[in-house]
PDB file of N, CA and C in Angstrom:
ATOM      1  N   MET A   1      92.074 113.323  99.015  1.00  0.00           N
ATOM      2  CA  MET A   1      93.331 112.377  98.296  1.00  0.00           C
ATOM      3  C   MET A   1      91.833 111.371  98.248  1.00  0.00           C
ATOM      4  N   ASN A   2      91.932 110.670  97.259  1.00  0.00           N
ATOM      5  CA  ASN A   2      91.189 110.010  96.973  1.00  0.00           C
ATOM      6  C   ASN A   2      91.638 107.988  97.954  1.00  0.00           C
ATOM      7  N   PHE A   3      90.728 107.418  98.512  1.00  0.00           N
ATOM      8  CA  PHE A   3      91.496 105.891  98.343  1.00  0.00           C
ATOM      9  C   PHE A   3      91.932 105.692  97.675  1.00  0.00           C
ATOM     10  N   ASP A   4      92.608 104.261  98.067  1.00  0.00           N
ATOM     11  CA  ASP A   4      93.506 103.248  97.558  1.00  0.00           C
ATOM     12  C   ASP A   4      94.105 102.196  97.934  1.00  0.00           C
ATOM     13  N   PRO A   5      92.851 101.013  98.004  1.00  0.00           N
ATOM     14  CA  PRO A   5      93.402  99.766  99.210  1.00  0.00           C
ATOM     15  C   PRO A   5      94.839  99.651  98.784  1.00  0.00           C
ATOM     16  N   THR A   6      95.187  99.933  97.362  1.00  0.00           N
ATOM     17  CA  THR A   6      96.487  98.890  97.652  1.00  0.00           C
ATOM     18  C   THR A   6      97.309  99.808  98.318  1.00  0.00           C
ATOM     19  N   GLU A   7      97.177 101.042  98.798  1.00  0.00           N
ATOM     20  CA  GLU A   7      98.092 101.882  99.154  1.00  0.00           C
ATOM     21  C   GLU A   7      97.403 101.936 100.898  1.00  0.00           C
ATOM     22  N   HIS A   8      96.068 102.830 101.471  1.00  0.00           N
ATOM     23  CA  HIS A   8      95.939 103.366 102.648  1.00  0.00           C
ATOM     24  C   HIS A   8      96.036 102.036 103.083  1.00  0.00           C
ATOM     25  N   PRO A   9      95.641 101.726 105.051  1.00  0.00           N
ATOM     26  CA  PRO A   9      94.713 100.799 105.276  1.00  0.00           C
ATOM     27  C   PRO A   9      93.469 101.199 105.558  1.00  0.00           C
ATOM     28  N   HIS A  10      93.111 100.061 105.499  1.00  0.00           N
ATOM     29  CA  HIS A  10      91.516  99.329 106.465  1.00  0.00           C
ATOM     30  C   HIS A  10      90.938  98.459 106.408  1.00  0.00           C
ATOM     31  N   ARG A  11      89.942  98.129 106.728  1.00  0.00           N
ATOM     32  CA  ARG A  11      89.416  96.610 107.313  1.00  0.00           C
ATOM     33  C   ARG A  11      88.649  97.000 106.006  1.00  0.00           C
ATOM     34  N   ARG A  12      88.632  94.720 106.328  1.00  0.00           N
ATOM     35  CA  ARG A  12      87.852  94.060 104.831  1.00  0.00           C
ATOM     36  C   ARG A  12      86.770  93.371 106.229  1.00  0.00           C
ATOM     37  N   LEU A  13      86.306  92.716 106.199  1.00  0.00           N
ATOM     38  CA  LEU A  13      84.773  92.005 106.250  1.00  0.00           C
ATOM     39  C   LEU A  13      85.193  90.979 105.969  1.00  0.00           C
ATOM     40  N   ASN A  14      85.530  90.302 106.857  1.00  0.00           N
ATOM     41  CA  ASN A  14      85.380  88.539 106.382  1.00  0.00           C
ATOM     42  C   ASN A  14      84.010  87.884 105.664  1.00  0.00           C
ATOM     43  N   LEU A  15      83.039  87.296 105.728  1.00  0.00           N
ATOM     44  CA  LEU A  15      82.566  86.959 105.004  1.00  0.00           C
ATOM     45  C   LEU A  15      81.782  85.692 105.383  1.00  0.00           C
ATOM     46  N   LEU A  16      82.898  85.206 105.590  1.00  0.00           N
ATOM     47  CA  LEU A  16      81.980  83.673 106.503  1.00  0.00           C
ATOM     48  C   LEU A  16      82.200  84.320 108.905  1.00  0.00           C
ATOM     49  N   THR A  17      83.082  84.429 109.359  1.00  0.00           N
ATOM     50  CA  THR A  17      83.253  84.899 110.417  1.00  0.00           C
ATOM     51  C   THR A  17      82.244  86.071 110.703  1.00  0.00           C
ATOM     52  N   GLY A  18      82.052  86.813 109.859  1.00  0.00           N
ATOM     53  CA  GLY A  18      81.610  88.624 109.849  1.00  0.00           C
ATOM     54  C   GLY A  18      82.704  89.196 110.800  1.00  0.00           C
ATOM     55  N   GLU A  19      83.294  89.081 110.861  1.00  0.00           N
ATOM     56  CA  GLU A  19      84.317  89.519 110.930  1.00  0.00           C
ATOM     57  C   GLU A  19      85.813  90.660 110.960  1.00  0.00           C
ATOM     58  N   TYR A  20      86.129  91.617 111.024  1.00  0.00           N
ATOM     59  CA  TYR A  20      86.730  92.983 110.056  1.00  0.00           C
ATOM     60  C   TYR A  20      87.996  92.250 110.290  1.00  0.00           C
ATOM     61  N   VAL A  21      88.688  92.326 109.761  1.00  0.00           N
ATOM     62  CA  VAL A  21      90.159  92.203 109.354  1.00  0.00           C
ATOM     63  C   VAL A  21      91.113  93.215 109.057  1.00  0.00           C
ATOM     64  N   LEU A  22      92.610  93.599 109.709  1.00  0.00           N
ATOM     65  CA  LEU A  22      92.615  95.462 109.059  1.00  0.00           C
ATOM     66  C   LEU A  22      94.398  94.342 107.989  1.00  0.00           C
ATOM     67  N   VAL A  23      93.914  95.480 107.070  1.00  0.00           N
ATOM     68  CA  VAL A  23      94.861  95.589 106.324  1.00  0.00           C
ATOM     69  C   VAL A  23      95.989  96.573 106.095  1.00  0.00           C
ATOM     70  N   SER A  24      97.667  96.302 105.594  1.00  0.00           N
ATOM     71  CA  SER A  24      97.669  97.834 106.148  1.00  0.00           C
ATOM     72  C   SER A  24      98.527  97.553 105.144  1.00  0.00           C
ATOM     73  N   PRO A  25      98.433  98.194 103.384  1.00  0.00           N
ATOM     74  CA  PRO A  25      99.453  97.050 102.321  1.00  0.00           C
ATOM     75  C   PRO A  25     101.149  98.832 102.717  1.00  0.00           C
ATOM     76  N   HIS A  26     100.691  99.477 103.208  1.00  0.00           N
ATOM     77  CA  HIS A  26     101.603 100.801 102.923  1.00  0.00           C
ATOM     78  C   HIS A  26     102.245 100.373 103.286  1.00  0.00           C
ATOM     79  N   ARG A  27     103.143  99.032 104.067  1.00  0.00           N
ATOM     80  CA  ARG A  27     103.815  99.159 105.682  1.00  0.00           C
ATOM     81  C   ARG A  27     104.822  97.798 104.354  1.00  0.00           C
ATOM     82  N   ASN A  28     104.667  97.358 103.442  1.00  0.00           N
ATOM     83  CA  ASN A  28     105.044  97.141 102.487  1.00  0.00           C
ATOM     84  C   ASN A  28     106.348  97.654 102.384  1.00  0.00           C
ATOM     85  N   LYS A  29     106.550  99.055 102.287  1.00  0.00           N
ATOM     86  CA  LYS A  29     107.423  99.379 101.905  1.00  0.00           C
ATOM     87  C   LYS A  29     108.646  99.796 103.191  1.00  0.00           C
ATOM     88  N   ARG A  30     108.388  99.347 104.395  1.00  0.00           N
ATOM     89  CA  ARG A  30     109.593  99.192 105.079  1.00  0.00           C
ATOM     90  C   ARG A  30     110.347  99.259 104.631  1.00  0.00           C
ATOM     91  N   PRO A  31     111.783  98.909 105.799  1.00  0.00           N
ATOM     92  CA  PRO A  31     113.420  98.419 104.768  1.00  0.00           C
ATOM     93  C   PRO A  31     113.115  96.885 105.490  1.00  0.00           C
ATOM     94  N   TRP A  32     112.799  95.684 105.248  1.00  0.00           N
ATOM     95  CA  TRP A  32     113.401  94.453 105.239  1.00  0.00           C
ATOM     96  C   TRP A  32     114.336  93.697 105.867  1.00  0.00           C
ATOM     97  N   GLN A  33     115.166  92.667 107.171  1.00  0.00           N
ATOM     98  CA  GLN A  33     116.411  93.125 107.564  1.00  0.00           C
ATOM     99  C   GLN A  33     116.572  91.195 108.077  1.00  0.00           C
ATOM    100  N   GLY A  34     114.863  90.685 107.161  1.00  0.00           N
ATOM    101  CA  GLY A  34     114.650  89.045 107.680  1.00  0.00           C
ATOM    102  C   GLY A  34     115.700  88.489 107.208  1.00  0.00           C
ATOM    103  N   GLN A  35     115.522  87.729 108.445  1.00  0.00           N
ATOM    104  CA  GLN A  35     116.476  86.396 108.959  1.00  0.00           C
ATOM    105  C   GLN A  35     117.751  86.951 108.349  1.00  0.00           C
ATOM    106  N   VAL A  36     117.486  87.462 108.980  1.00  0.00           N
ATOM    107  CA  VAL A  36     119.412  87.631 109.443  1.00  0.00           C
ATOM    108  C   VAL A  36     119.330  87.059 111.462  1.00  0.00           C
ATOM    109  N   GLU A  37     120.243  86.322 110.888  1.00  0.00           N
ATOM    110  CA  GLU A  37     119.854  85.403 113.107  1.00  0.00           C
ATOM    111  C   GLU A  37     121.888  85.761 113.064  1.00  0.00           C
ATOM    112  N   ARG A  38     122.295  85.407 113.742  1.00  0.00           N
ATOM    113  CA  ARG A  38     124.028  85.722 114.403  1.00  0.00           C
ATOM    114  C   ARG A  38     123.292  84.613 115.975  1.00  0.00           C
ATOM    115  N   ALA A  39     124.449  84.363 115.672  1.00  0.00           N
ATOM    116  CA  ALA A  39     124.903  83.225 117.092  1.00  0.00           C
ATOM    117  C   ALA A  39     124.349  84.535 118.472  1.00  0.00           C
ATOM    118  N   PRO A  40     123.557  84.102 119.607  1.00  0.00           N
ATOM    119  CA  PRO A  40     123.791  84.650 120.753  1.00  0.00           C
ATOM    120  C   PRO A  40     125.678  85.647 121.203  1.00  0.00           C
ATOM    121  N   GLN A  41     124.862  86.208 121.578  1.00  0.00           N
ATOM    122  CA  GLN A  41     126.291  87.026 122.308  1.00  0.00           C
ATOM    123  C   GLN A  41     126.511  87.019 123.835  1.00  0.00           C
ATOM    124  N   THR A  42     127.296  86.789 124.518  1.00  0.00           N
ATOM    125  CA  THR A  42     127.350  86.292 125.452  1.00  0.00           C
ATOM    126  C   THR A  42     127.647  87.166 126.381  1.00  0.00           C
ATOM    127  N   GLU A  43     127.647  89.068 126.265  1.00  0.00           N
ATOM    128  CA  GLU A  43     128.577  89.988 126.223  1.00  0.00           C
ATOM    129  C   GLU A  43     126.821  90.992 124.647  1.00  0.00           C
ATOM    130  N   ARG A  44     126.177  91.574 125.640  1.00  0.00           N
ATOM    131  CA  ARG A  44     126.138  92.832 124.415  1.00  0.00           C
ATOM    132  C   ARG A  44     126.294  94.431 124.590  1.00  0.00           C
ATOM    133  N   PRO A  45     126.764  94.514 123.375  1.00  0.00           N
ATOM    134  CA  PRO A  45     127.491  95.602 123.147  1.00  0.00           C
ATOM    135  C   PRO A  45     126.891  97.170 123.741  1.00  0.00           C
ATOM    136  N   ALA A  46     127.264  97.687 124.625  1.00  0.00           N
ATOM    137  CA  ALA A  46     126.539  99.558 125.012  1.00  0.00           C
ATOM    138  C   ALA A  46     125.564  99.911 124.166  1.00  0.00           C
ATOM    139  N   HIS A  47     126.391 100.099 123.183  1.00  0.00           N
ATOM    140  CA  HIS A  47     125.603 100.531 121.972  1.00  0.00           C
ATOM    141  C   HIS A  47     126.195  99.972 120.166  1.00  0.00           C
ATOM    142  N   ASP A  48     124.673  99.824 119.335  1.00  0.00           N
ATOM    143  CA  ASP A  48     124.619  99.318 118.693  1.00  0.00           C
ATOM    144  C   ASP A  48     123.957  99.735 116.844  1.00  0.00           C
ATOM    145  N   PRO A  49     125.556 100.466 116.518  1.00  0.00           N
ATOM    146  CA  PRO A  49     125.435 101.501 115.553  1.00  0.00           C
ATOM    147  C   PRO A  49     123.986 101.191 114.551  1.00  0.00           C
ATOM    148  N   ASP A  50     123.756  99.750 114.853  1.00  0.00           N
ATOM    149  CA  ASP A  50     122.989  99.719 113.580  1.00  0.00           C
ATOM    150  C   ASP A  50     121.514  99.578 113.675  1.00  0.00           C
ATOM    151  N   CYS A  51     121.695  99.140 114.784  1.00  0.00           N
ATOM    152  CA  CYS A  51     120.411  99.336 115.241  1.00  0.00           C
ATOM    153  C   CYS A  51     119.389 100.859 115.632  1.00  0.00           C
ATOM    154  N   TYR A  52     117.681 100.259 115.062  1.00  0.00           N
ATOM    155  CA  TYR A  52     117.009 101.531 113.975  1.00  0.00           C
ATOM    156  C   TYR A  52     116.400 102.341 115.523  1.00  0.00           C
ATOM    157  N   LEU A  53     116.502 101.324 117.033  1.00  0.00           N
ATOM    158  CA  LEU A  53     116.032 101.954 118.150  1.00  0.00           C
ATOM    159  C   LEU A  53     116.941 102.204 118.809  1.00  0.00           C
ATOM    160  N   CYS A  54     118.140 102.224 118.698  1.00  0.00           N
ATOM    161  CA  CYS A  54     119.231 102.883 119.991  1.00  0.00           C
ATOM    162  C   CYS A  54     118.865 104.284 119.597  1.00  0.00           C
ATOM    163  N   PRO A  55     120.011 104.519 121.405  1.00  0.00           N
ATOM    164  CA  PRO A  55     119.785 106.307 121.931  1.00  0.00           C
ATOM    165  C   PRO A  55     121.030 107.194 119.657  1.00  0.00           C
ATOM    166  N   GLY A  56     120.549 108.613 119.596  1.00  0.00           N
ATOM    167  CA  GLY A  56     121.615 108.863 118.578  1.00  0.00           C
ATOM    168  C   GLY A  56     121.373 108.011 117.537  1.00  0.00           C
ATOM    169  N   ASN A  57     121.216 106.628 116.557  1.00  0.00           N
ATOM    170  CA  ASN A  57     120.887 106.484 115.488  1.00  0.00           C
ATOM    171  C   ASN A  57     119.848 107.323 114.921  1.00  0.00           C
ATOM    172  N   ALA A  58     120.222 107.158 113.291  1.00  0.00           N
ATOM    173  CA  ALA A  58     119.042 106.840 112.511  1.00  0.00           C
ATOM    174  C   ALA A  58     117.736 106.050 112.423  1.00  0.00           C
ATOM    175  N   ARG A  59     116.404 106.800 111.624  1.00  0.00           N
ATOM    176  CA  ARG A  59     115.444 105.435 111.787  1.00  0.00           C
ATOM    177  C   ARG A  59     115.573 105.652 110.328  1.00  0.00           C
ATOM    178  N   ALA A  60     113.976 106.056 109.850  1.00  0.00           N
ATOM    179  CA  ALA A  60     113.824 105.930 108.687  1.00  0.00           C
ATOM    180  C   ALA A  60     113.175 107.048 107.915  1.00  0.00           C
ATOM    181  N   GLY A  61     113.464 107.400 107.186  1.00  0.00           N
ATOM    182  CA  GLY A  61     114.001 109.116 106.832  1.00  0.00           C
ATOM    183  C   GLY A  61     115.019 110.200 107.245  1.00  0.00           C
ATOM    184  N   ASP A  62     114.773 110.782 107.869  1.00  0.00           N
ATOM    185  CA  ASP A  62     115.735 112.156 107.999  1.00  0.00           C
ATOM    186  C   ASP A  62     115.414 112.398 109.353  1.00  0.00           C
ATOM    187  N   ALA A  63     114.643 110.778 110.233  1.00  0.00           N
ATOM    188  CA  ALA A  63     114.359 110.942 111.760  1.00  0.00           C
ATOM    189  C   ALA A  63     115.410 110.400 112.443  1.00  0.00           C
ATOM    190  N   ARG A  64     116.289 110.114 113.221  1.00  0.00           N
ATOM    191  CA  ARG A  64     117.523 109.902 114.401  1.00  0.00           C
ATOM    192  C   ARG A  64     116.471 110.106 115.669  1.00  0.00           C
ATOM    193  N   ASN A  65     117.107 109.430 116.282  1.00  0.00           N
ATOM    194  CA  ASN A  65     116.338 109.615 117.824  1.00  0.00           C
ATOM    195  C   ASN A  65     117.497 109.610 118.486  1.00  0.00           C
ATOM    196  N   PRO A  66     116.837 111.065 119.602  1.00  0.00           N
ATOM    197  CA  PRO A  66     118.032 111.514 120.925  1.00  0.00           C
ATOM    198  C   PRO A  66     118.513 110.497 121.508  1.00  0.00           C
ATOM    199  N   ASN A  67     119.376 111.245 122.021  1.00  0.00           N
ATOM    200  CA  ASN A  67     120.986 110.636 122.958  1.00  0.00           C
ATOM    201  C   ASN A  67     120.037 110.168 124.055  1.00  0.00           C
ATOM    202  N   TYR A  68     118.788 109.076 124.223  1.00  0.00           N
ATOM    203  CA  TYR A  68     117.651 109.125 125.805  1.00  0.00           C
ATOM    204  C   TYR A  68     118.528 108.033 126.326  1.00  0.00           C
ATOM    205  N   ASP A  69     118.261 108.210 126.895  1.00  0.00           N
ATOM    206  CA  ASP A  69     118.947 107.416 128.410  1.00  0.00           C
ATOM    207  C   ASP A  69     117.633 107.088 129.556  1.00  0.00           C
ATOM    208  N   GLY A  70     116.968 106.881 129.046  1.00  0.00           N
ATOM    209  CA  GLY A  70     115.236 106.770 129.709  1.00  0.00           C
ATOM    210  C   GLY A  70     114.274 105.801 129.185  1.00  0.00           C
ATOM    211  N   THR A  71     112.910 106.097 128.554  1.00  0.00           N
ATOM    212  CA  THR A  71     112.700 105.730 128.079  1.00  0.00           C
ATOM    213  C   THR A  71     111.505 106.804 126.512  1.00  0.00           C
ATOM    214  N   PHE A  72     112.117 106.104 126.548  1.00  0.00           N
ATOM    215  CA  PHE A  72     111.585 107.717 124.750  1.00  0.00           C
ATOM    216  C   PHE A  72     110.710 106.760 124.176  1.00  0.00           C
ATOM    217  N   VAL A  73     109.370 107.850 123.644  1.00  0.00           N
ATOM    218  CA  VAL A  73     108.456 106.739 122.548  1.00  0.00           C
ATOM    219  C   VAL A  73     108.624 107.385 121.471  1.00  0.00           C
ATOM    220  N   PHE A  74     108.477 106.950 120.782  1.00  0.00           N
ATOM    221  CA  PHE A  74     107.971 108.116 119.381  1.00  0.00           C
ATOM    222  C   PHE A  74     106.779 107.499 118.219  1.00  0.00           C
ATOM    223  N   THR A  75     106.344 107.913 117.509  1.00  0.00           N
ATOM    224  CA  THR A  75     105.201 107.556 116.631  1.00  0.00           C
ATOM    225  C   THR A  75     106.328 106.834 115.846  1.00  0.00           C
ATOM    226  N   ASN A  76     105.431 105.380 115.047  1.00  0.00           N
ATOM    227  CA  ASN A  76     106.164 104.368 113.978  1.00  0.00           C
ATOM    228  C   ASN A  76     106.487 104.568 112.856  1.00  0.00           C
ATOM    229  N   ASP A  77     107.849 104.598 112.886  1.00  0.00           N
ATOM    230  CA  ASP A  77     107.795 105.361 111.465  1.00  0.00           C
ATOM    231  C   ASP A  77     106.957 104.064 110.764  1.00  0.00           C
ATOM    232  N   PHE A  78     106.661 103.561 109.991  1.00  0.00           N
ATOM    233  CA  PHE A  78     105.799 101.995 109.441  1.00  0.00           C
ATOM    234  C   PHE A  78     105.269 102.276 110.092  1.00  0.00           C
ATOM    235  N   ALA A  79     103.896 102.337 110.168  1.00  0.00           N
ATOM    236  CA  ALA A  79     102.025 102.107 111.303  1.00  0.00           C
ATOM    237  C   ALA A  79     101.951 101.220 110.705  1.00  0.00           C
ATOM    238  N   ALA A  80     101.398 100.326 111.248  1.00  0.00           N
ATOM    239  CA  ALA A  80     100.158  99.666 110.850  1.00  0.00           C
ATOM    240  C   ALA A  80      98.728 100.842 110.260  1.00  0.00           C
ATOM    241  N   LEU A  81      98.345 101.591 110.636  1.00  0.00           N
ATOM    242  CA  LEU A  81      97.675 102.515 110.820  1.00  0.00           C
ATOM    243  C   LEU A  81      98.169 104.262 110.686  1.00  0.00           C
ATOM    244  N   LEU A  82      97.683 104.429 109.544  1.00  0.00           N
ATOM    245  CA  LEU A  82      97.979 106.151 109.418  1.00  0.00           C
ATOM    246  C   LEU A  82      97.612 107.722 109.960  1.00  0.00           C
ATOM    247  N   PRO A  83      96.951 108.275 110.842  1.00  0.00           N
ATOM    248  CA  PRO A  83      95.594 108.516 111.219  1.00  0.00           C
ATOM    249  C   PRO A  83      95.666 109.928 110.410  1.00  0.00           C
ATOM    250  N   ASP A  84      95.936 110.632 108.432  1.00  0.00           N
ATOM    251  CA  ASP A  84      95.078 111.119 108.082  1.00  0.00           C
ATOM    252  C   ASP A  84      94.774 110.028 106.493  1.00  0.00           C
ATOM    253  N   SER A  85      94.264 108.921 106.897  1.00  0.00           N
ATOM    254  CA  SER A  85      94.014 108.480 106.045  1.00  0.00           C
ATOM    255  C   SER A  85      92.486 108.529 106.006  1.00  0.00           C
ATOM    256  N   PRO A  86      92.199 108.753 103.975  1.00  0.00           N
ATOM    257  CA  PRO A  86      91.173 108.729 103.492  1.00  0.00           C
ATOM    258  C   PRO A  86      90.095 107.666 103.876  1.00  0.00           C
ATOM    259  N   GLN A  87      88.815 108.549 103.777  1.00  0.00           N
ATOM    260  CA  GLN A  87      87.651 107.415 104.628  1.00  0.00           C
ATOM    261  C   GLN A  87      87.115 106.782 103.433  1.00  0.00           C
ATOM    262  N   PHE A  88      86.839 106.398 104.200  1.00  0.00           N
ATOM    263  CA  PHE A  88      86.080 105.172 102.337  1.00  0.00           C
ATOM    264  C   PHE A  88      84.627 104.275 103.128  1.00  0.00           C
ATOM    265  N   HIS A  89      84.179 104.167 102.421  1.00  0.00           N
ATOM    266  CA  HIS A  89      82.804 102.396 102.605  1.00  0.00           C
ATOM    267  C   HIS A  89      82.855 101.460 101.214  1.00  0.00           C
ATOM    268  N   SER A  90      82.775 100.817 101.364  1.00  0.00           N
ATOM    269  CA  SER A  90      82.339 100.073  99.400  1.00  0.00           C
ATOM    270  C   SER A  90      81.231  99.946  99.411  1.00  0.00           C
ATOM    271  N   LYS A  91      79.961  99.715  98.510  1.00  0.00           N
ATOM    272  CA  LYS A  91      79.203  99.670  98.816  1.00  0.00           C
ATOM    273  C   LYS A  91      78.429  98.497  99.877  1.00  0.00           C
ATOM    274  N   PRO A  92      77.352  98.762 100.125  1.00  0.00           N
ATOM    275  CA  PRO A  92      76.394  97.801 101.000  1.00  0.00           C
ATOM    276  C   PRO A  92      75.577  96.555 100.057  1.00  0.00           C
ATOM    277  N   GLY A  93      76.166  95.212 100.907  1.00  0.00           N
ATOM    278  CA  GLY A  93      75.986  94.315 100.290  1.00  0.00           C
ATOM    279  C   GLY A  93      76.982  93.661  98.657  1.00  0.00           C
ATOM    280  N   SER A  94      78.033  94.732  99.096  1.00  0.00           N
ATOM    281  CA  SER A  94      79.276  93.933  98.043  1.00  0.00           C
ATOM    282  C   SER A  94      79.539  92.946  98.877  1.00  0.00           C
ATOM    283  N   VAL A  95      80.402  91.812  98.283  1.00  0.00           N
ATOM    284  CA  VAL A  95      81.315  90.969  98.927  1.00  0.00           C
ATOM    285  C   VAL A  95      81.994  91.334  99.530  1.00  0.00           C
ATOM    286  N   PHE A  96      82.401  92.783  98.389  1.00  0.00           N
ATOM    287  CA  PHE A  96      84.383  92.850  98.788  1.00  0.00           C
ATOM    288  C   PHE A  96      84.044  94.003  99.316  1.00  0.00           C
ATOM    289  N   GLN A  97      83.665  93.941 101.246  1.00  0.00           N
ATOM    290  CA  GLN A  97      83.873  94.586 101.507  1.00  0.00           C
ATOM    291  C   GLN A  97      84.352  95.401 102.882  1.00  0.00           C
ATOM    292  N   THR A  98      84.873  96.652 101.947  1.00  0.00           N
ATOM    293  CA  THR A  98      86.651  97.385 102.668  1.00  0.00           C
ATOM    294  C   THR A  98      85.551  98.309 103.313  1.00  0.00           C
ATOM    295  N   GLU A  99      86.220  99.023 104.816  1.00  0.00           N
ATOM    296  CA  GLU A  99      86.109 100.342 104.995  1.00  0.00           C
ATOM    297  C   GLU A  99      87.760 101.339 105.426  1.00  0.00           C
ATOM    298  N   GLY A 100      88.176 101.897 105.316  1.00  0.00           N
ATOM    299  CA  GLY A 100      89.077 102.740 105.864  1.00  0.00           C
ATOM    300  C   GLY A 100      88.966 102.729 107.060  1.00  0.00           C
ATOM    301  N   VAL A 101      89.786 102.955 107.354  1.00  0.00           N
ATOM    302  CA  VAL A 101      89.869 103.092 108.942  1.00  0.00           C
ATOM    303  C   VAL A 101      91.749 103.931 109.470  1.00  0.00           C
ATOM    304  N   GLN A 102      91.693 105.229 110.421  1.00  0.00           N
ATOM    305  CA  GLN A 102      92.654 105.841 110.763  1.00  0.00           C
ATOM    306  C   GLN A 102      93.123 105.542 112.160  1.00  0.00           C
ATOM    307  N   GLY A 103      94.391 105.230 112.519  1.00  0.00           N
ATOM    308  CA  GLY A 103      95.088 106.032 113.309  1.00  0.00           C
ATOM    309  C   GLY A 103      96.522 106.308 113.433  1.00  0.00           C
ATOM    310  N   THR A 104      96.989 105.559 114.918  1.00  0.00           N
ATOM    311  CA  THR A 104      98.080 106.198 115.345  1.00  0.00           C
ATOM    312  C   THR A 104      98.749 104.818 116.281  1.00  0.00           C
ATOM    313  N   SER A 105     100.399 104.612 116.038  1.00  0.00           N
ATOM    314  CA  SER A 105     101.029 103.394 116.332  1.00  0.00           C
ATOM    315  C   SER A 105     101.751 103.988 117.105  1.00  0.00           C
ATOM    316  N   ARG A 106     102.164 103.992 118.292  1.00  0.00           N
ATOM    317  CA  ARG A 106     103.810 104.236 118.713  1.00  0.00           C
ATOM    318  C   ARG A 106     105.076 103.276 119.363  1.00  0.00           C
ATOM    319  N   VAL A 107     105.949 103.836 119.515  1.00  0.00           N
ATOM    320  CA  VAL A 107     107.237 102.999 120.003  1.00  0.00           C
ATOM    321  C   VAL A 107     108.202 103.509 120.675  1.00  0.00           C
ATOM    322  N   VAL A 108     107.889 102.355 122.000  1.00  0.00           N
ATOM    323  CA  VAL A 108     108.092 102.687 123.310  1.00  0.00           C
ATOM    324  C   VAL A 108     110.093 102.078 123.045  1.00  0.00           C
ATOM    325  N   CYS A 109     111.075 102.608 123.856  1.00  0.00           N
ATOM    326  CA  CYS A 109     112.174 102.949 123.892  1.00  0.00           C
ATOM    327  C   CYS A 109     112.830 102.813 125.207  1.00  0.00           C
ATOM    328  N   PHE A 110     113.160 101.429 126.056  1.00  0.00           N
ATOM    329  CA  PHE A 110     114.061 101.901 127.121  1.00  0.00           C
ATOM    330  C   PHE A 110     114.976 100.652 127.625  1.00  0.00           C
TER     331      PHE A 110
END
């Protein structure tokens, strides 16, 4: 697999601070429900059929949460890091210094 900075997570060197910044462009593909605000309910429902994290509900793709009644942990469907991203290092001394990074993000529901 070839590294693509528009698809694969990587880190970029900030030449002013000397620190690396994590870039996760693939996360732009996740579903967005932004700015959906409702007045707070005085009583919360026992189960929300539209909640991606609730027991028994569908998540991204074909994943479905089990009917958990305790703690449930799963790999984030839209993680900032991916375990199989390709390795990549830009040329030393380049103004735009990047490195491919790998990792795993987990979600804890309780």
